[in-house]
C-alpha cells in the first residue's frame, strides 16, 4: 500500500513538471514581415517637425503625404513612400501583425485607465480594458531569456507622461526592444522627453512629442504619425522582424517547447519515478 501511494506521488510530481512547462511556455513574437524595416509607418500621412534622427525606413500608404522630410537624418533607412508596391506590402503585413497581437490570449488583465509605471513585469500578454499609461519607470525583466516577449493590448489608448524623467521603459536581464509590442486600439501619444521602448501597432494615430526617444517603431495602421525633434533607434532583430527566436506569431501566441527543454523535463519526471521505485520496490 505504501509503495502504491508513493508511486502515485511520483506520478503527480512528474505531471506537475509538465503542467508547469505548459503554464510557462514562451510567448511567441509578433511577426512584422516587411514592416520590420520601418521605424515609422503610417496610413494617413507623416508630419515631422524639428530635427529628427531615424534608424530605419519611413513611409505612408495609401495617403502618400510626408511633411518636413528635410528635418530627418536617416541612419540605414530612407523615405519609401514613393514605392507603392513596397508600401502596400508593408501595410498589409502591419495589418496582419496588428491582428495577431490583438488576438493573443491575455496572461494578465487590468481595469480601465491603468498606469504601468513603477512596475517590474516579466514576459507575458498584458491586456488593458481601456487605456494604458506610463508615469515613472516600467521595467521589463527577461529573467535571462533573450527571447522573452511582452505584448501590451490597450483597449483604447496609450499615453506616456510628459517631461524629462517622467516616463521611461527600462530593459533588464536580457530583455530586447525587438520583443516588446504595444497593440493600441485607438491612438498612442508618447509624451515629451519620454524614453519609450517597443513597437507601437496603433489602429489610428501616433504622436511622438518633442524630445522623446523611441527604441522601436511607430506603426499606424489607418492613421497619421506626427513627430517632433525625436530620435528613433531600431535594433537589429532576427529574421522575422519582430524579435528573437520564436518565429512568427499566431494562434493563441503560445510557442511549442523546444526539444531540449522537453527532453530535460521528461528526464526529470522519469528520474522522479525511478527514485520512488528504487526506494520502495528494491529488495530488502
Protein backbone atom coordinates (compact mmCIF):
# COMPACT_ATOMS: atom_id res chain seq x y z
CA UNK A 1 0.00 0.00 0.00
CA UNK A 2 2.82 2.34 0.94
CA UNK A 3 4.61 1.64 -2.33
CA UNK A 4 1.46 2.25 -4.36
CA UNK A 5 0.86 5.55 -2.58
CA UNK A 6 4.44 6.63 -3.22
CA UNK A 7 4.19 5.71 -6.88
CA UNK A 8 1.09 7.90 -7.16
CA UNK A 9 3.01 10.77 -5.60
CA UNK A 10 5.76 10.24 -8.15
CA UNK A 11 3.25 10.43 -11.00
CA UNK A 12 1.79 13.63 -9.55
CA UNK A 13 5.25 15.18 -9.37
CA UNK A 14 6.01 14.23 -12.97
CA UNK A 15 2.66 15.60 -14.15
CA UNK A 16 3.29 18.81 -12.26
CA UNK A 17 6.56 19.28 -14.11
CA UNK A 18 4.82 19.03 -17.47
CA UNK A 19 1.95 21.26 -16.38
CA UNK A 20 4.48 23.84 -15.26
CA UNK A 21 6.06 23.71 -18.72
CA UNK A 22 2.66 24.35 -20.32
CA UNK A 23 1.93 27.24 -17.96
CA UNK A 24 5.26 28.93 -18.57
CA UNK A 25 5.66 28.20 -22.28
CA UNK A 26 7.20 31.12 -24.08
CA UNK A 27 5.02 33.75 -25.72
CA UNK A 28 5.88 33.81 -29.43
CA UNK A 29 6.94 37.03 -31.05
CA UNK A 30 4.77 39.10 -33.40
CA UNK A 31 5.90 38.69 -36.99
CA UNK A 32 6.10 42.13 -38.61
CA UNK A 33 7.06 40.82 -42.03
CA UNK A 34 8.23 43.55 -44.40
CA UNK A 35 7.04 46.22 -41.94
CA UNK A 36 10.06 45.32 -39.79
CA UNK A 37 12.36 47.58 -41.80
CA UNK A 38 10.21 50.63 -40.96
CA UNK A 39 10.77 52.81 -37.93
CA UNK A 40 7.76 54.91 -38.92
CA UNK A 41 4.84 53.63 -40.98
CA UNK A 42 1.55 55.45 -41.43
CA UNK A 43 -1.71 55.05 -43.28
CA UNK A 44 -2.73 58.72 -43.46
CA UNK A 45 0.46 60.77 -43.72
CA UNK A 46 3.55 61.69 -41.71
CA UNK A 47 4.42 65.11 -40.26
CA UNK A 48 7.93 65.81 -38.94
CA UNK A 49 8.75 68.98 -37.03
CA UNK A 50 12.25 69.76 -35.77
CA UNK A 51 15.49 67.81 -36.25
CA UNK A 52 14.76 64.10 -36.04
CA UNK A 53 17.10 61.12 -36.35
CA UNK A 54 15.59 57.87 -37.59
CA UNK A 55 17.23 54.47 -37.83
CA UNK A 56 15.23 52.58 -40.43
CA UNK A 57 12.74 53.42 -43.17
CA UNK A 58 9.67 55.62 -43.10
CA UNK A 59 6.63 55.59 -45.35
CA UNK A 60 2.90 56.23 -45.59
CA UNK A 61 0.21 54.43 -47.60
CA UNK A 62 -2.38 54.88 -49.00
CA UNK A 63 -2.05 58.61 -48.18
CA UNK A 64 1.40 59.50 -49.59
CA UNK A 65 1.94 62.79 -47.74
CA UNK A 66 5.20 63.38 -45.84
CA UNK A 67 5.67 66.91 -44.46
CA UNK A 68 9.02 68.01 -43.06
CA UNK A 69 11.18 65.30 -44.61
CA UNK A 70 14.06 67.82 -44.64
CA UNK A 71 14.14 67.61 -40.85
CA UNK A 72 15.13 63.94 -40.91
CA UNK A 73 18.59 62.44 -40.67
CA UNK A 74 18.39 58.79 -41.76
CA UNK A 75 20.63 56.03 -40.43
CA UNK A 76 20.35 52.89 -42.57
CA UNK A 77 17.00 53.96 -43.94
CA UNK A 78 15.06 56.16 -46.35
CA UNK A 79 11.62 57.53 -47.18
CA UNK A 80 9.96 54.65 -49.09
CA UNK A 81 6.62 56.38 -49.66
CA UNK A 82 7.04 56.65 -53.43
CA UNK A 83 7.48 52.88 -53.82
CA UNK A 84 3.81 51.96 -53.87
CA UNK A 85 4.43 48.23 -54.15
CA UNK A 86 6.69 48.14 -51.10
CA UNK A 87 4.30 50.33 -49.13
CA UNK A 88 1.26 48.24 -49.96
CA UNK A 89 3.01 45.06 -48.83
CA UNK A 90 4.32 46.69 -45.65
CA UNK A 91 0.88 47.99 -44.70
CA UNK A 92 -0.62 44.59 -45.39
CA UNK A 93 1.96 42.98 -43.10
CA UNK A 94 1.21 45.62 -40.45
CA UNK A 95 -2.48 44.68 -40.57
CA UNK A 96 -1.56 41.02 -40.06
CA UNK A 97 0.78 41.85 -37.17
CA UNK A 98 -1.81 44.11 -35.52
CA UNK A 99 -4.49 41.43 -35.74
CA UNK A 100 -2.09 38.83 -34.34
CA UNK A 101 -1.15 40.98 -31.33
CA UNK A 102 -4.79 41.90 -30.69
CA UNK A 103 -5.87 38.27 -30.83
CA UNK A 104 -3.45 36.89 -28.23
CA UNK A 105 -4.87 35.45 -25.03
CA UNK A 106 -4.07 37.66 -22.05
CA UNK A 107 -1.92 36.33 -19.24
CA UNK A 108 -2.73 39.40 -17.10
CA UNK A 109 -5.68 41.80 -17.36
CA UNK A 110 -6.13 45.30 -15.96
CA UNK A 111 -9.12 47.55 -15.42
CA UNK A 112 -9.71 50.86 -17.22
CA UNK A 113 -7.10 53.63 -17.38
CA UNK A 114 -4.28 51.61 -15.88
CA UNK A 115 -0.81 53.11 -15.28
CA UNK A 116 2.07 50.69 -15.82
CA UNK A 117 4.67 52.99 -14.30
CA UNK A 118 6.87 51.93 -11.38
CA UNK A 119 6.27 48.23 -12.01
CA UNK A 120 8.54 45.36 -12.99
CA UNK A 121 6.89 42.92 -15.39
CA UNK A 122 8.05 39.53 -16.60
CA UNK A 123 7.17 38.29 -20.12
CA UNK A 124 3.50 37.91 -20.95
CA UNK A 125 0.43 39.32 -22.68
CA UNK A 126 -0.96 42.26 -20.70
CA UNK A 127 -4.48 43.40 -21.56
CA UNK A 128 -5.88 46.77 -20.56
CA UNK A 129 -9.65 47.22 -20.58
CA UNK A 130 -9.23 50.73 -21.98
CA UNK A 131 -6.18 52.98 -21.66
CA UNK A 132 -2.59 52.28 -20.65
CA UNK A 133 -0.36 55.00 -19.23
CA UNK A 134 3.28 55.08 -18.16
CA UNK A 135 4.18 57.52 -15.40
CA UNK A 136 7.58 56.73 -13.93
CA UNK A 137 9.63 53.71 -14.96
CA UNK A 138 8.19 50.50 -16.38
CA UNK A 139 10.84 47.78 -16.04
CA UNK A 140 10.69 44.70 -18.26
CA UNK A 141 12.60 41.77 -16.78
CA UNK A 142 13.51 38.95 -19.19
CA UNK A 143 14.88 36.80 -16.36
CA UNK A 144 17.86 35.85 -18.51
CA UNK A 145 15.83 34.80 -21.57
CA UNK A 146 16.81 36.86 -24.66
CA UNK A 147 13.70 35.59 -26.47
CA UNK A 148 11.28 36.88 -23.82
CA UNK A 149 8.26 38.66 -25.33
CA UNK A 150 5.87 41.29 -23.96
CA UNK A 151 2.60 42.18 -25.70
CA UNK A 152 0.52 45.04 -24.31
CA UNK A 153 -3.07 45.28 -25.56
CA UNK A 154 -4.62 48.68 -24.95
CA UNK A 155 -8.38 48.57 -25.35
CA UNK A 156 -8.30 52.25 -26.21
CA UNK A 157 -5.21 54.49 -25.99
CA UNK A 158 -1.60 54.55 -24.84
CA UNK A 159 -0.18 57.71 -23.23
CA UNK A 160 3.18 58.27 -21.57
CA UNK A 161 3.83 61.09 -19.09
CA UNK A 162 5.38 64.33 -20.37
CA UNK A 163 8.54 65.93 -19.06
CA UNK A 164 12.18 64.91 -18.60
CA UNK A 165 12.47 61.76 -16.50
CA UNK A 166 8.72 61.34 -16.10
CA UNK A 167 8.29 58.29 -18.33
CA UNK A 168 10.73 55.51 -19.16
CA UNK A 169 10.69 51.87 -20.23
CA UNK A 170 13.75 50.02 -18.91
CA UNK A 171 15.00 46.62 -20.08
CA UNK A 172 16.86 44.28 -17.73
CA UNK A 173 18.25 40.73 -17.60
CA UNK A 174 18.41 40.20 -21.37
CA UNK A 175 15.21 41.94 -22.43
CA UNK A 176 15.21 43.23 -26.02
CA UNK A 177 13.27 46.07 -27.62
CA UNK A 178 12.73 43.70 -30.57
CA UNK A 179 10.34 41.69 -28.41
CA UNK A 180 8.14 44.44 -26.94
CA UNK A 181 4.84 45.20 -28.71
CA UNK A 182 2.13 47.74 -27.96
CA UNK A 183 -1.17 47.00 -29.71
CA UNK A 184 -3.27 50.15 -29.38
CA UNK A 185 -6.93 50.07 -30.39
CA UNK A 186 -7.13 53.82 -30.95
CA UNK A 187 -4.24 56.30 -30.69
CA UNK A 188 -0.84 56.43 -28.99
CA UNK A 189 0.75 59.57 -27.54
CA UNK A 190 4.37 59.49 -26.42
CA UNK A 191 4.93 62.42 -24.06
CA UNK A 192 7.71 65.00 -24.31
CA UNK A 193 11.16 63.63 -23.45
CA UNK A 194 9.84 60.13 -22.79
CA UNK A 195 12.24 57.20 -23.17
CA UNK A 196 10.00 54.66 -24.85
CA UNK A 197 10.74 51.08 -25.88
CA UNK A 198 8.91 48.76 -28.25
CA UNK A 199 6.93 48.58 -31.46
CA UNK A 200 3.67 50.54 -31.40
CA UNK A 201 0.94 48.92 -33.51
CA UNK A 202 -1.80 51.55 -33.48
CA UNK A 203 -5.14 51.36 -35.25
CA UNK A 204 -5.29 55.13 -35.70
CA UNK A 205 -2.80 57.94 -34.94
CA UNK A 206 0.59 58.02 -33.25
CA UNK A 207 2.02 61.26 -31.85
CA UNK A 208 5.62 61.35 -30.60
CA UNK A 209 6.08 64.65 -28.83
CA UNK A 210 9.11 66.93 -28.51
CA UNK A 211 12.35 65.32 -27.47
CA UNK A 212 11.01 61.80 -26.99
CA UNK A 213 13.22 58.81 -27.83
CA UNK A 214 11.78 55.59 -29.25
CA UNK A 215 13.78 52.37 -29.18
CA UNK A 216 11.49 50.59 -31.59
CA UNK A 217 8.87 51.60 -34.14
CA UNK A 218 5.77 53.76 -34.60
CA UNK A 219 3.46 51.86 -36.97
CA UNK A 220 0.00 53.34 -37.57
CA UNK A 221 -2.43 51.06 -39.40
CA UNK A 222 -5.00 53.64 -40.55
CA UNK A 223 -3.94 56.96 -39.08
CA UNK A 224 -1.17 59.56 -39.24
CA UNK A 225 2.18 59.73 -37.45
CA UNK A 226 3.38 63.06 -36.05
CA UNK A 227 6.99 63.56 -34.90
CA UNK A 228 8.77 66.48 -33.25
CA UNK A 229 12.54 66.52 -32.67
CA UNK A 230 12.77 62.81 -31.91
CA UNK A 231 15.31 60.01 -32.02
CA UNK A 232 14.31 56.57 -33.29
CA UNK A 233 16.58 53.63 -32.53
CA UNK A 234 15.71 50.41 -34.32
CA UNK A 235 17.69 47.45 -33.03
CA UNK A 236 18.81 44.68 -35.34
CA UNK A 237 16.30 41.90 -34.82
CA UNK A 238 16.20 38.34 -36.09
CA UNK A 239 14.82 37.16 -39.40
CA UNK A 240 11.07 37.74 -38.98
CA UNK A 241 11.49 41.29 -37.79
CA UNK A 242 9.64 41.08 -34.52
CA UNK A 243 12.29 39.78 -32.24
CA UNK A 244 14.39 36.83 -31.27
CA UNK A 245 13.99 33.19 -31.58
CA UNK A 246 10.43 32.01 -31.68
CA UNK A 247 9.41 32.86 -35.21
CA UNK A 248 6.15 34.45 -36.32
CA UNK A 249 3.20 34.86 -34.03
CA UNK A 250 -0.16 33.26 -34.49
CA UNK A 251 -2.94 31.34 -32.88
CA UNK A 252 -3.04 31.86 -29.17
CA UNK A 253 0.55 33.00 -29.02
CA UNK A 254 1.95 30.05 -27.11
CA UNK A 255 5.13 28.58 -28.52
CA UNK A 256 5.77 24.85 -28.61
CA UNK A 257 8.52 23.95 -26.12
CA UNK A 258 11.85 23.26 -27.80
CA UNK A 259 13.09 19.69 -27.97
CA UNK A 260 15.89 20.23 -25.48
CA UNK A 261 13.54 21.60 -22.83
CA UNK A 262 11.05 18.80 -23.40
CA UNK A 263 13.71 16.12 -23.06
CA UNK A 264 15.02 17.77 -19.91
CA UNK A 265 11.56 17.77 -18.36
CA UNK A 266 10.92 14.19 -19.45
CA UNK A 267 14.20 13.12 -17.88
CA UNK A 268 13.30 14.92 -14.65
CA UNK A 269 9.94 13.18 -14.48
CA UNK A 270 11.43 9.76 -15.15
CA UNK A 271 14.15 10.33 -12.58
CA UNK A 272 11.47 11.12 -10.01
CA UNK A 273 9.61 7.92 -10.77
CA UNK A 274 12.78 5.82 -10.67
CA UNK A 275 13.73 7.29 -7.32
CA UNK A 276 10.41 6.18 -5.84
CA UNK A 277 10.73 2.77 -7.47
CA UNK A 278 14.22 2.14 -6.08
CA UNK A 279 13.21 3.21 -2.61
CA UNK A 280 10.03 1.22 -2.27
CA UNK A 281 10.40 -1.70 -4.69
CA UNK A 282 14.05 -2.70 -4.29
CA UNK A 283 14.72 -5.96 -2.46
CA UNK A 284 15.42 -5.56 1.26
